[in-house]
Amino acid sequence: MTQKKYDLEDRLIQFAGESILFLNKIPKDFAGVNLSNQLSRSASSCALNFGESQGTITQKDKAYKLSIVLKELKESRATLKIIDYISYGDQLKRQKLIKECEELTAIIASIIYKKYKYNR
């Protein structure tokens, strides 16, 4: 039995893509457009900044880029919770995105604080 290699970048890309697909189905009123733009930017930024972190030269630069990923994940989580509070979009999909965002946040935070010993 072969085991699929775990790839954090692929998981962040999938989170961004699933978030955007979810946003295509929420109302296009003022709040919906505003929240869609916010989540689209922050979720995409997570994956893009993670990719940038893989090409940094120093460990300090990598820790800094990962801290941006963490910030964007927290922003995505807050936006998803607002969307959940106002019940926009499919409830099951919302909950799944929130759970994935929380898991990714924990993973990135763990990498930063354990591997890079990056303190605030």
PDB file of N, CA and C in Angstrom:
ATOM      1  N   MET A   1       0.845  -1.176   0.000  1.00  0.00           N
ATOM      2  CA  MET A   1       0.000   0.000   0.000  1.00  0.00           C
ATOM      3  C   MET A   1       0.889   1.238   0.000  1.00  0.00           C
ATOM      4  N   THR A   2       0.635   2.142  -0.947  1.00  0.00           N
ATOM      5  CA  THR A   2       1.409   3.374  -0.996  1.00  0.00           C
ATOM      6  C   THR A   2       0.649   4.483  -0.285  1.00  0.00           C
ATOM      7  N   GLN A   3       1.418   5.340   0.358  1.00  0.00           N
ATOM      8  CA  GLN A   3       0.818   6.433   1.102  1.00  0.00           C
ATOM      9  C   GLN A   3       1.061   7.735   0.340  1.00  0.00           C
ATOM     10  N   LYS A   4       0.022   8.570   0.196  1.00  0.00           N
ATOM     11  CA  LYS A   4       0.156   9.832  -0.508  1.00  0.00           C
ATOM     12  C   LYS A   4       1.007  10.783   0.324  1.00  0.00           C
ATOM     13  N   LYS A   5       1.934  11.442  -0.342  1.00  0.00           N
ATOM     14  CA  LYS A   5       2.800  12.408   0.321  1.00  0.00           C
ATOM     15  C   LYS A   5       1.973  13.621   0.733  1.00  0.00           C
ATOM     16  N   TYR A   6       2.156  14.030   1.972  1.00  0.00           N
ATOM     17  CA  TYR A   6       1.462  15.194   2.488  1.00  0.00           C
ATOM     18  C   TYR A   6       2.155  16.443   1.977  1.00  0.00           C
ATOM     19  N   ASP A   7       1.431  17.359   1.370  1.00  0.00           N
ATOM     20  CA  ASP A   7       2.005  18.578   0.824  1.00  0.00           C
ATOM     21  C   ASP A   7       1.195  19.771   1.320  1.00  0.00           C
ATOM     22  N   LEU A   8       1.805  20.551   2.199  1.00  0.00           N
ATOM     23  CA  LEU A   8       1.134  21.697   2.797  1.00  0.00           C
ATOM     24  C   LEU A   8       0.775  22.745   1.748  1.00  0.00           C
ATOM     25  N   GLU A   9       1.648  22.952   0.781  1.00  0.00           N
ATOM     26  CA  GLU A   9       1.347  23.929  -0.263  1.00  0.00           C
ATOM     27  C   GLU A   9       0.092  23.519  -1.041  1.00  0.00           C
ATOM     28  N   ASP A  10      -0.034  22.249  -1.377  1.00  0.00           N
ATOM     29  CA  ASP A  10      -1.233  21.778  -2.075  1.00  0.00           C
ATOM     30  C   ASP A  10      -2.482  21.987  -1.224  1.00  0.00           C
ATOM     31  N   ARG A  11      -2.347  21.772   0.060  1.00  0.00           N
ATOM     32  CA  ARG A  11      -3.491  21.946   0.959  1.00  0.00           C
ATOM     33  C   ARG A  11      -3.900  23.421   1.041  1.00  0.00           C
ATOM     34  N   LEU A  12      -2.937  24.331   1.079  1.00  0.00           N
ATOM     35  CA  LEU A  12      -3.238  25.760   1.091  1.00  0.00           C
ATOM     36  C   LEU A  12      -3.866  26.197  -0.230  1.00  0.00           C
ATOM     37  N   ILE A  13      -3.378  25.648  -1.334  1.00  0.00           N
ATOM     38  CA  ILE A  13      -3.954  25.960  -2.640  1.00  0.00           C
ATOM     39  C   ILE A  13      -5.392  25.453  -2.718  1.00  0.00           C
ATOM     40  N   GLN A  14      -5.619  24.259  -2.216  1.00  0.00           N
ATOM     41  CA  GLN A  14      -6.974  23.711  -2.205  1.00  0.00           C
ATOM     42  C   GLN A  14      -7.902  24.557  -1.331  1.00  0.00           C
ATOM     43  N   PHE A  15      -7.405  25.007  -0.177  1.00  0.00           N
ATOM     44  CA  PHE A  15      -8.212  25.873   0.695  1.00  0.00           C
ATOM     45  C   PHE A  15      -8.598  27.153  -0.044  1.00  0.00           C
ATOM     46  N   ALA A  16      -7.644  27.762  -0.730  1.00  0.00           N
ATOM     47  CA  ALA A  16      -7.931  28.983  -1.484  1.00  0.00           C
ATOM     48  C   ALA A  16      -8.961  28.704  -2.584  1.00  0.00           C
ATOM     49  N   GLY A  17      -8.751  27.641  -3.327  1.00  0.00           N
ATOM     50  CA  GLY A  17      -9.672  27.297  -4.415  1.00  0.00           C
ATOM     51  C   GLY A  17     -11.073  26.982  -3.925  1.00  0.00           C
ATOM     52  N   GLU A  18     -11.170  26.191  -2.868  1.00  0.00           N
ATOM     53  CA  GLU A  18     -12.484  25.848  -2.312  1.00  0.00           C
ATOM     54  C   GLU A  18     -13.184  27.082  -1.747  1.00  0.00           C
ATOM     55  N   SER A  19     -12.422  27.998  -1.179  1.00  0.00           N
ATOM     56  CA  SER A  19     -13.004  29.241  -0.659  1.00  0.00           C
ATOM     57  C   SER A  19     -13.605  30.051  -1.800  1.00  0.00           C
ATOM     58  N   ILE A  20     -12.859  30.164  -2.890  1.00  0.00           N
ATOM     59  CA  ILE A  20     -13.344  30.928  -4.044  1.00  0.00           C
ATOM     60  C   ILE A  20     -14.581  30.270  -4.654  1.00  0.00           C
ATOM     61  N   LEU A  21     -14.567  28.941  -4.778  1.00  0.00           N
ATOM     62  CA  LEU A  21     -15.744  28.248  -5.300  1.00  0.00           C
ATOM     63  C   LEU A  21     -16.954  28.448  -4.386  1.00  0.00           C
ATOM     64  N   PHE A  22     -16.734  28.423  -3.084  1.00  0.00           N
ATOM     65  CA  PHE A  22     -17.808  28.669  -2.121  1.00  0.00           C
ATOM     66  C   PHE A  22     -18.373  30.077  -2.306  1.00  0.00           C
ATOM     67  N   LEU A  23     -17.493  31.050  -2.498  1.00  0.00           N
ATOM     68  CA  LEU A  23     -17.921  32.448  -2.619  1.00  0.00           C
ATOM     69  C   LEU A  23     -18.764  32.698  -3.867  1.00  0.00           C
ATOM     70  N   ASN A  24     -18.597  31.883  -4.889  1.00  0.00           N
ATOM     71  CA  ASN A  24     -19.387  32.053  -6.107  1.00  0.00           C
ATOM     72  C   ASN A  24     -20.873  31.822  -5.872  1.00  0.00           C
ATOM     73  N   LYS A  25     -21.195  31.210  -4.728  1.00  0.00           N
ATOM     74  CA  LYS A  25     -22.598  30.855  -4.476  1.00  0.00           C
ATOM     75  C   LYS A  25     -23.229  31.634  -3.325  1.00  0.00           C
ATOM     76  N   ILE A  26     -22.577  32.710  -2.874  1.00  0.00           N
ATOM     77  CA  ILE A  26     -23.206  33.519  -1.824  1.00  0.00           C
ATOM     78  C   ILE A  26     -23.874  34.726  -2.473  1.00  0.00           C
ATOM     79  N   PRO A  27     -24.813  35.361  -1.764  1.00  0.00           N
ATOM     80  CA  PRO A  27     -25.523  36.500  -2.353  1.00  0.00           C
ATOM     81  C   PRO A  27     -24.569  37.599  -2.835  1.00  0.00           C
ATOM     82  N   LYS A  28     -24.987  38.284  -3.883  1.00  0.00           N
ATOM     83  CA  LYS A  28     -24.172  39.357  -4.462  1.00  0.00           C
ATOM     84  C   LYS A  28     -24.622  40.728  -3.962  1.00  0.00           C
ATOM     85  N   ASP A  29     -25.148  40.777  -2.743  1.00  0.00           N
ATOM     86  CA  ASP A  29     -25.512  42.061  -2.152  1.00  0.00           C
ATOM     87  C   ASP A  29     -24.247  42.744  -1.622  1.00  0.00           C
ATOM     88  N   PHE A  30     -24.391  43.899  -0.965  1.00  0.00           N
ATOM     89  CA  PHE A  30     -23.237  44.662  -0.500  1.00  0.00           C
ATOM     90  C   PHE A  30     -22.346  43.830   0.417  1.00  0.00           C
ATOM     91  N   ALA A  31     -22.936  43.180   1.413  1.00  0.00           N
ATOM     92  CA  ALA A  31     -22.154  42.375   2.356  1.00  0.00           C
ATOM     93  C   ALA A  31     -21.498  41.192   1.661  1.00  0.00           C
ATOM     94  N   GLY A  32     -22.237  40.531   0.791  1.00  0.00           N
ATOM     95  CA  GLY A  32     -21.712  39.373   0.088  1.00  0.00           C
ATOM     96  C   GLY A  32     -20.508  39.719  -0.780  1.00  0.00           C
ATOM     97  N   VAL A  33     -20.594  40.828  -1.491  1.00  0.00           N
ATOM     98  CA  VAL A  33     -19.478  41.249  -2.345  1.00  0.00           C
ATOM     99  C   VAL A  33     -18.279  41.636  -1.495  1.00  0.00           C
ATOM    100  N   ASN A  34     -18.522  42.397  -0.434  1.00  0.00           N
ATOM    101  CA  ASN A  34     -17.445  42.826   0.448  1.00  0.00           C
ATOM    102  C   ASN A  34     -16.732  41.632   1.087  1.00  0.00           C
ATOM    103  N   LEU A  35     -17.498  40.717   1.643  1.00  0.00           N
ATOM    104  CA  LEU A  35     -16.912  39.544   2.289  1.00  0.00           C
ATOM    105  C   LEU A  35     -16.248  38.610   1.276  1.00  0.00           C
ATOM    106  N   SER A  36     -16.832  38.499   0.098  1.00  0.00           N
ATOM    107  CA  SER A  36     -16.235  37.672  -0.959  1.00  0.00           C
ATOM    108  C   SER A  36     -14.861  38.202  -1.353  1.00  0.00           C
ATOM    109  N   ASN A  37     -14.784  39.505  -1.545  1.00  0.00           N
ATOM    110  CA  ASN A  37     -13.492  40.106  -1.901  1.00  0.00           C
ATOM    111  C   ASN A  37     -12.462  39.881  -0.803  1.00  0.00           C
ATOM    112  N   GLN A  38     -12.894  40.062   0.432  1.00  0.00           N
ATOM    113  CA  GLN A  38     -11.978  39.905   1.564  1.00  0.00           C
ATOM    114  C   GLN A  38     -11.448  38.474   1.662  1.00  0.00           C
ATOM    115  N   LEU A  39     -12.358  37.498   1.626  1.00  0.00           N
ATOM    116  CA  LEU A  39     -11.947  36.106   1.760  1.00  0.00           C
ATOM    117  C   LEU A  39     -11.131  35.646   0.564  1.00  0.00           C
ATOM    118  N   SER A  40     -11.516  36.080  -0.615  1.00  0.00           N
ATOM    119  CA  SER A  40     -10.770  35.704  -1.811  1.00  0.00           C
ATOM    120  C   SER A  40      -9.316  36.165  -1.712  1.00  0.00           C
ATOM    121  N   ARG A  41      -9.119  37.391  -1.271  1.00  0.00           N
ATOM    122  CA  ARG A  41      -7.749  37.919  -1.137  1.00  0.00           C
ATOM    123  C   ARG A  41      -6.965  37.208  -0.048  1.00  0.00           C
ATOM    124  N   SER A  42      -7.559  37.051   1.129  1.00  0.00           N
ATOM    125  CA  SER A  42      -6.797  36.469   2.244  1.00  0.00           C
ATOM    126  C   SER A  42      -6.521  34.981   2.033  1.00  0.00           C
ATOM    127  N   ALA A  43      -7.487  34.238   1.523  1.00  0.00           N
ATOM    128  CA  ALA A  43      -7.276  32.802   1.297  1.00  0.00           C
ATOM    129  C   ALA A  43      -6.232  32.571   0.205  1.00  0.00           C
ATOM    130  N   SER A  44      -6.280  33.377  -0.847  1.00  0.00           N
ATOM    131  CA  SER A  44      -5.281  33.260  -1.915  1.00  0.00           C
ATOM    132  C   SER A  44      -3.899  33.645  -1.407  1.00  0.00           C
ATOM    133  N   SER A  45      -3.849  34.667  -0.586  1.00  0.00           N
ATOM    134  CA  SER A  45      -2.580  35.149  -0.049  1.00  0.00           C
ATOM    135  C   SER A  45      -1.873  34.079   0.783  1.00  0.00           C
ATOM    136  N   CYS A  46      -2.637  33.261   1.478  1.00  0.00           N
ATOM    137  CA  CYS A  46      -2.043  32.174   2.268  1.00  0.00           C
ATOM    138  C   CYS A  46      -1.192  31.271   1.385  1.00  0.00           C
ATOM    139  N   ALA A  47      -1.781  30.819   0.312  1.00  0.00           N
ATOM    140  CA  ALA A  47      -1.078  29.898  -0.593  1.00  0.00           C
ATOM    141  C   ALA A  47       0.086  30.592  -1.290  1.00  0.00           C
ATOM    142  N   LEU A  48      -0.128  31.817  -1.732  1.00  0.00           N
ATOM    143  CA  LEU A  48       0.918  32.538  -2.464  1.00  0.00           C
ATOM    144  C   LEU A  48       2.115  32.853  -1.572  1.00  0.00           C
ATOM    145  N   ASN A  49       1.865  33.294  -0.359  1.00  0.00           N
ATOM    146  CA  ASN A  49       2.971  33.599   0.553  1.00  0.00           C
ATOM    147  C   ASN A  49       3.686  32.340   1.023  1.00  0.00           C
ATOM    148  N   PHE A  50       2.955  31.239   1.138  1.00  0.00           N
ATOM    149  CA  PHE A  50       3.619  29.989   1.489  1.00  0.00           C
ATOM    150  C   PHE A  50       4.590  29.601   0.378  1.00  0.00           C
ATOM    151  N   GLY A  51       4.145  29.753  -0.866  1.00  0.00           N
ATOM    152  CA  GLY A  51       5.028  29.467  -1.998  1.00  0.00           C
ATOM    153  C   GLY A  51       6.268  30.341  -1.966  1.00  0.00           C
ATOM    154  N   GLU A  52       6.098  31.619  -1.639  1.00  0.00           N
ATOM    155  CA  GLU A  52       7.244  32.519  -1.524  1.00  0.00           C
ATOM    156  C   GLU A  52       8.176  32.092  -0.400  1.00  0.00           C
ATOM    157  N   SER A  53       7.619  31.589   0.685  1.00  0.00           N
ATOM    158  CA  SER A  53       8.445  31.182   1.830  1.00  0.00           C
ATOM    159  C   SER A  53       9.386  30.045   1.463  1.00  0.00           C
ATOM    160  N   GLN A  54       9.002  29.271   0.465  1.00  0.00           N
ATOM    161  CA  GLN A  54       9.828  28.136   0.057  1.00  0.00           C
ATOM    162  C   GLN A  54      11.066  28.567  -0.720  1.00  0.00           C
ATOM    163  N   GLY A  55      11.083  29.820  -1.178  1.00  0.00           N
ATOM    164  CA  GLY A  55      12.210  30.298  -1.954  1.00  0.00           C
ATOM    165  C   GLY A  55      13.084  31.305  -1.219  1.00  0.00           C
ATOM    166  N   THR A  56      12.872  31.447   0.076  1.00  0.00           N
ATOM    167  CA  THR A  56      13.678  32.419   0.818  1.00  0.00           C
ATOM    168  C   THR A  56      15.076  31.889   1.075  1.00  0.00           C
ATOM    169  N   ILE A  57      15.989  32.817   1.318  1.00  0.00           N
ATOM    170  CA  ILE A  57      17.390  32.452   1.496  1.00  0.00           C
ATOM    171  C   ILE A  57      17.714  32.131   2.953  1.00  0.00           C
ATOM    172  N   THR A  58      17.181  32.936   3.874  1.00  0.00           N
ATOM    173  CA  THR A  58      17.511  32.735   5.286  1.00  0.00           C
ATOM    174  C   THR A  58      16.330  32.153   6.051  1.00  0.00           C
ATOM    175  N   GLN A  59      16.631  31.550   7.169  1.00  0.00           N
ATOM    176  CA  GLN A  59      15.579  31.010   8.034  1.00  0.00           C
ATOM    177  C   GLN A  59      14.713  32.134   8.595  1.00  0.00           C
ATOM    178  N   LYS A  60      15.323  33.285   8.867  1.00  0.00           N
ATOM    179  CA  LYS A  60      14.565  34.430   9.380  1.00  0.00           C
ATOM    180  C   LYS A  60      13.549  34.911   8.341  1.00  0.00           C
ATOM    181  N   ASP A  61      13.964  34.967   7.077  1.00  0.00           N
ATOM    182  CA  ASP A  61      13.048  35.356   6.001  1.00  0.00           C
ATOM    183  C   ASP A  61      11.908  34.352   5.867  1.00  0.00           C
ATOM    184  N   LYS A  62      12.241  33.068   5.985  1.00  0.00           N
ATOM    185  CA  LYS A  62      11.214  32.028   5.878  1.00  0.00           C
ATOM    186  C   LYS A  62      10.214  32.147   7.019  1.00  0.00           C
ATOM    187  N   ALA A  63      10.719  32.376   8.233  1.00  0.00           N
ATOM    188  CA  ALA A  63       9.829  32.537   9.393  1.00  0.00           C
ATOM    189  C   ALA A  63       8.929  33.757   9.201  1.00  0.00           C
ATOM    190  N   TYR A  64       9.483  34.826   8.653  1.00  0.00           N
ATOM    191  CA  TYR A  64       8.698  36.039   8.420  1.00  0.00           C
ATOM    192  C   TYR A  64       7.586  35.774   7.405  1.00  0.00           C
ATOM    193  N   LYS A  65       7.914  35.131   6.291  1.00  0.00           N
ATOM    194  CA  LYS A  65       6.899  34.821   5.276  1.00  0.00           C
ATOM    195  C   LYS A  65       5.810  33.913   5.852  1.00  0.00           C
ATOM    196  N   LEU A  66       6.229  32.943   6.662  1.00  0.00           N
ATOM    197  CA  LEU A  66       5.241  32.060   7.293  1.00  0.00           C
ATOM    198  C   LEU A  66       4.361  32.830   8.269  1.00  0.00           C
ATOM    199  N   SER A  67       4.913  33.863   8.900  1.00  0.00           N
ATOM    200  CA  SER A  67       4.087  34.676   9.804  1.00  0.00           C
ATOM    201  C   SER A  67       3.029  35.443   9.013  1.00  0.00           C
ATOM    202  N   ILE A  68       3.332  35.813   7.771  1.00  0.00           N
ATOM    203  CA  ILE A  68       2.329  36.445   6.905  1.00  0.00           C
ATOM    204  C   ILE A  68       1.244  35.434   6.547  1.00  0.00           C
ATOM    205  N   VAL A  69       1.650  34.196   6.257  1.00  0.00           N
ATOM    206  CA  VAL A  69       0.680  33.132   5.981  1.00  0.00           C
ATOM    207  C   VAL A  69      -0.255  32.977   7.176  1.00  0.00           C
ATOM    208  N   LEU A  70       0.305  32.955   8.370  1.00  0.00           N
ATOM    209  CA  LEU A  70      -0.498  32.812   9.588  1.00  0.00           C
ATOM    210  C   LEU A  70      -1.477  33.972   9.742  1.00  0.00           C
ATOM    211  N   LYS A  71      -1.010  35.188   9.509  1.00  0.00           N
ATOM    212  CA  LYS A  71      -1.870  36.366   9.604  1.00  0.00           C
ATOM    213  C   LYS A  71      -3.032  36.262   8.618  1.00  0.00           C
ATOM    214  N   GLU A  72      -2.746  35.854   7.394  1.00  0.00           N
ATOM    215  CA  GLU A  72      -3.793  35.739   6.371  1.00  0.00           C
ATOM    216  C   GLU A  72      -4.772  34.613   6.683  1.00  0.00           C
ATOM    217  N   LEU A  73      -4.277  33.530   7.272  1.00  0.00           N
ATOM    218  CA  LEU A  73      -5.179  32.446   7.687  1.00  0.00           C
ATOM    219  C   LEU A  73      -6.130  32.925   8.781  1.00  0.00           C
ATOM    220  N   LYS A  74      -5.606  33.694   9.724  1.00  0.00           N
ATOM    221  CA  LYS A  74      -6.459  34.228  10.796  1.00  0.00           C
ATOM    222  C   LYS A  74      -7.498  35.189  10.233  1.00  0.00           C
ATOM    223  N   GLU A  75      -7.106  35.968   9.248  1.00  0.00           N
ATOM    224  CA  GLU A  75      -8.047  36.874   8.590  1.00  0.00           C
ATOM    225  C   GLU A  75      -9.117  36.078   7.839  1.00  0.00           C
ATOM    226  N   SER A  76      -8.703  35.018   7.167  1.00  0.00           N
ATOM    227  CA  SER A  76      -9.657  34.151   6.464  1.00  0.00           C
ATOM    228  C   SER A  76     -10.638  33.527   7.447  1.00  0.00           C
ATOM    229  N   ARG A  77     -10.115  33.063   8.576  1.00  0.00           N
ATOM    230  CA  ARG A  77     -10.971  32.444   9.586  1.00  0.00           C
ATOM    231  C   ARG A  77     -12.018  33.434  10.106  1.00  0.00           C
ATOM    232  N   ALA A  78     -11.594  34.655  10.396  1.00  0.00           N
ATOM    233  CA  ALA A  78     -12.535  35.669  10.895  1.00  0.00           C
ATOM    234  C   ALA A  78     -13.604  35.969   9.842  1.00  0.00           C
ATOM    235  N   THR A  79     -13.196  36.085   8.592  1.00  0.00           N
ATOM    236  CA  THR A  79     -14.151  36.357   7.518  1.00  0.00           C
ATOM    237  C   THR A  79     -15.139  35.205   7.372  1.00  0.00           C
ATOM    238  N   LEU A  80     -14.635  33.985   7.428  1.00  0.00           N
ATOM    239  CA  LEU A  80     -15.526  32.817   7.351  1.00  0.00           C
ATOM    240  C   LEU A  80     -16.501  32.779   8.518  1.00  0.00           C
ATOM    241  N   LYS A  81     -16.061  33.178   9.683  1.00  0.00           N
ATOM    242  CA  LYS A  81     -16.957  33.193  10.850  1.00  0.00           C
ATOM    243  C   LYS A  81     -18.039  34.257  10.709  1.00  0.00           C
ATOM    244  N   ILE A  82     -17.696  35.387  10.099  1.00  0.00           N
ATOM    245  CA  ILE A  82     -18.723  36.403   9.826  1.00  0.00           C
ATOM    246  C   ILE A  82     -19.727  35.853   8.827  1.00  0.00           C
ATOM    247  N   ILE A  83     -19.225  35.234   7.766  1.00  0.00           N
ATOM    248  CA  ILE A  83     -20.107  34.634   6.759  1.00  0.00           C
ATOM    249  C   ILE A  83     -20.989  33.575   7.405  1.00  0.00           C
ATOM    250  N   ASP A  84     -20.426  32.803   8.325  1.00  0.00           N
ATOM    251  CA  ASP A  84     -21.204  31.791   9.038  1.00  0.00           C
ATOM    252  C   ASP A  84     -22.269  32.446   9.916  1.00  0.00           C
ATOM    253  N   TYR A  85     -21.906  33.513  10.588  1.00  0.00           N
ATOM    254  CA  TYR A  85     -22.842  34.207  11.482  1.00  0.00           C
ATOM    255  C   TYR A  85     -24.058  34.722  10.729  1.00  0.00           C
ATOM    256  N   ILE A  86     -23.846  35.219   9.514  1.00  0.00           N
ATOM    257  CA  ILE A  86     -24.972  35.741   8.740  1.00  0.00           C
ATOM    258  C   ILE A  86     -25.588  34.676   7.818  1.00  0.00           C
ATOM    259  N   SER A  87     -25.092  33.448   7.940  1.00  0.00           N
ATOM    260  CA  SER A  87     -25.639  32.286   7.226  1.00  0.00           C
ATOM    261  C   SER A  87     -25.641  32.439   5.708  1.00  0.00           C
ATOM    262  N   TYR A  88     -24.550  32.944   5.150  1.00  0.00           N
ATOM    263  CA  TYR A  88     -24.423  33.022   3.695  1.00  0.00           C
ATOM    264  C   TYR A  88     -23.809  31.725   3.181  1.00  0.00           C
ATOM    265  N   GLY A  89     -24.309  31.248   2.066  1.00  0.00           N
ATOM    266  CA  GLY A  89     -23.769  30.058   1.437  1.00  0.00           C
ATOM    267  C   GLY A  89     -24.189  28.777   2.136  1.00  0.00           C
ATOM    268  N   ASP A  90     -23.696  27.679   1.615  1.00  0.00           N
ATOM    269  CA  ASP A  90     -24.024  26.351   2.122  1.00  0.00           C
ATOM    270  C   ASP A  90     -23.399  26.125   3.498  1.00  0.00           C
ATOM    271  N   GLN A  91     -24.229  25.751   4.473  1.00  0.00           N
ATOM    272  CA  GLN A  91     -23.771  25.582   5.850  1.00  0.00           C
ATOM    273  C   GLN A  91     -22.677  24.525   5.979  1.00  0.00           C
ATOM    274  N   LEU A  92     -22.845  23.399   5.343  1.00  0.00           N
ATOM    275  CA  LEU A  92     -21.856  22.322   5.424  1.00  0.00           C
ATOM    276  C   LEU A  92     -20.509  22.778   4.857  1.00  0.00           C
ATOM    277  N   LYS A  93     -20.551  23.456   3.731  1.00  0.00           N
ATOM    278  CA  LYS A  93     -19.326  23.953   3.096  1.00  0.00           C
ATOM    279  C   LYS A  93     -18.650  25.001   3.988  1.00  0.00           C
ATOM    280  N   ARG A  94     -19.445  25.887   4.579  1.00  0.00           N
ATOM    281  CA  ARG A  94     -18.888  26.902   5.497  1.00  0.00           C
ATOM    282  C   ARG A  94     -18.152  26.245   6.640  1.00  0.00           C
ATOM    283  N   GLN A  95     -18.797  25.266   7.260  1.00  0.00           N
ATOM    284  CA  GLN A  95     -18.196  24.587   8.411  1.00  0.00           C
ATOM    285  C   GLN A  95     -16.918  23.847   8.018  1.00  0.00           C
ATOM    286  N   LYS A  96     -16.935  23.253   6.844  1.00  0.00           N
ATOM    287  CA  LYS A  96     -15.763  22.535   6.351  1.00  0.00           C
ATOM    288  C   LYS A  96     -14.591  23.498   6.122  1.00  0.00           C
ATOM    289  N   LEU A  97     -14.884  24.672   5.549  1.00  0.00           N
ATOM    290  CA  LEU A  97     -13.844  25.675   5.314  1.00  0.00           C
ATOM    291  C   LEU A  97     -13.291  26.231   6.622  1.00  0.00           C
ATOM    292  N   ILE A  98     -14.170  26.477   7.580  1.00  0.00           N
ATOM    293  CA  ILE A  98     -13.716  26.971   8.886  1.00  0.00           C
ATOM    294  C   ILE A  98     -12.816  25.938   9.548  1.00  0.00           C
ATOM    295  N   LYS A  99     -13.215  24.677   9.516  1.00  0.00           N
ATOM    296  CA  LYS A  99     -12.408  23.615  10.124  1.00  0.00           C
ATOM    297  C   LYS A  99     -11.043  23.511   9.453  1.00  0.00           C
ATOM    298  N   GLU A 100     -11.019  23.539   8.131  1.00  0.00           N
ATOM    299  CA  GLU A 100      -9.753  23.456   7.407  1.00  0.00           C
ATOM    300  C   GLU A 100      -8.872  24.662   7.719  1.00  0.00           C
ATOM    301  N   CYS A 101      -9.470  25.828   7.786  1.00  0.00           N
ATOM    302  CA  CYS A 101      -8.714  27.038   8.101  1.00  0.00           C
ATOM    303  C   CYS A 101      -8.107  26.942   9.502  1.00  0.00           C
ATOM    304  N   GLU A 102      -8.867  26.443  10.449  1.00  0.00           N
ATOM    305  CA  GLU A 102      -8.352  26.283  11.811  1.00  0.00           C
ATOM    306  C   GLU A 102      -7.214  25.271  11.861  1.00  0.00           C
ATOM    307  N   GLU A 103      -7.327  24.183  11.114  1.00  0.00           N
ATOM    308  CA  GLU A 103      -6.257  23.188  11.069  1.00  0.00           C
ATOM    309  C   GLU A 103      -4.990  23.763  10.425  1.00  0.00           C
ATOM    310  N   LEU A 104      -5.159  24.486   9.329  1.00  0.00           N
ATOM    311  CA  LEU A 104      -4.003  25.095   8.664  1.00  0.00           C
ATOM    312  C   LEU A 104      -3.340  26.139   9.561  1.00  0.00           C
ATOM    313  N   THR A 105      -4.155  26.894  10.278  1.00  0.00           N
ATOM    314  CA  THR A 105      -3.630  27.887  11.221  1.00  0.00           C
ATOM    315  C   THR A 105      -2.776  27.207  12.282  1.00  0.00           C
ATOM    316  N   ALA A 106      -3.261  26.118  12.834  1.00  0.00           N
ATOM    317  CA  ALA A 106      -2.519  25.386  13.867  1.00  0.00           C
ATOM    318  C   ALA A 106      -1.205  24.823  13.315  1.00  0.00           C
ATOM    319  N   ILE A 107      -1.241  24.320  12.094  1.00  0.00           N
ATOM    320  CA  ILE A 107      -0.035  23.745  11.480  1.00  0.00           C
ATOM    321  C   ILE A 107       1.019  24.829  11.262  1.00  0.00           C
ATOM    322  N   ILE A 108       0.614  25.935  10.656  1.00  0.00           N
ATOM    323  CA  ILE A 108       1.570  27.015  10.377  1.00  0.00           C
ATOM    324  C   ILE A 108       2.111  27.606  11.676  1.00  0.00           C
ATOM    325  N   ALA A 109       1.242  27.816  12.658  1.00  0.00           N
ATOM    326  CA  ALA A 109       1.697  28.354  13.947  1.00  0.00           C
ATOM    327  C   ALA A 109       2.703  27.420  14.594  1.00  0.00           C
ATOM    328  N   SER A 110       2.447  26.137  14.513  1.00  0.00           N
ATOM    329  CA  SER A 110       3.353  25.150  15.079  1.00  0.00           C
ATOM    330  C   SER A 110       4.713  25.181  14.385  1.00  0.00           C
ATOM    331  N   ILE A 111       4.710  25.290  13.076  1.00  0.00           N
ATOM    332  CA  ILE A 111       5.970  25.365  12.328  1.00  0.00           C
ATOM    333  C   ILE A 111       6.760  26.597  12.759  1.00  0.00           C
ATOM    334  N   ILE A 112       6.091  27.729  12.830  1.00  0.00           N
ATOM    335  CA  ILE A 112       6.772  28.976  13.193  1.00  0.00           C
ATOM    336  C   ILE A 112       7.347  28.900  14.602  1.00  0.00           C
ATOM    337  N   TYR A 113       6.539  28.502  15.548  1.00  0.00           N
ATOM    338  CA  TYR A 113       6.951  28.580  16.943  1.00  0.00           C
ATOM    339  C   TYR A 113       7.889  27.455  17.369  1.00  0.00           C
ATOM    340  N   LYS A 114       7.810  26.316  16.712  1.00  0.00           N
ATOM    341  CA  LYS A 114       8.702  25.200  17.082  1.00  0.00           C
ATOM    342  C   LYS A 114       9.970  25.174  16.244  1.00  0.00           C
ATOM    343  N   LYS A 115       9.800  25.221  14.934  1.00  0.00           N
ATOM    344  CA  LYS A 115      10.961  25.068  14.059  1.00  0.00           C
ATOM    345  C   LYS A 115      11.826  26.328  14.001  1.00  0.00           C
ATOM    346  N   TYR A 116      11.174  27.477  13.967  1.00  0.00           N
ATOM    347  CA  TYR A 116      11.926  28.721  13.811  1.00  0.00           C
ATOM    348  C   TYR A 116      12.060  29.494  15.112  1.00  0.00           C
ATOM    349  N   LYS A 117      11.395  29.020  16.163  1.00  0.00           N
ATOM    350  CA  LYS A 117      11.444  29.675  17.459  1.00  0.00           C
ATOM    351  C   LYS A 117      11.222  31.179  17.327  1.00  0.00           C
ATOM    352  N   TYR A 118      10.217  31.501  16.518  1.00  0.00           N
ATOM    353  CA  TYR A 118       9.873  32.887  16.222  1.00  0.00           C
ATOM    354  C   TYR A 118       8.940  33.396  17.302  1.00  0.00           C
ATOM    355  N   ASN A 119       9.370  34.363  18.042  1.00  0.00           N
ATOM    356  CA  ASN A 119       8.557  34.909  19.131  1.00  0.00           C
ATOM    357  C   ASN A 119       8.089  36.308  18.769  1.00  0.00           C
ATOM    358  N   ARG A 120       6.912  36.650  19.286  1.00  0.00           N
ATOM    359  CA  ARG A 120       6.364  37.981  19.048  1.00  0.00           C
ATOM    360  C   ARG A 120       7.094  38.998  19.863  1.00  0.00           C
TER     361      ARG A 120
END
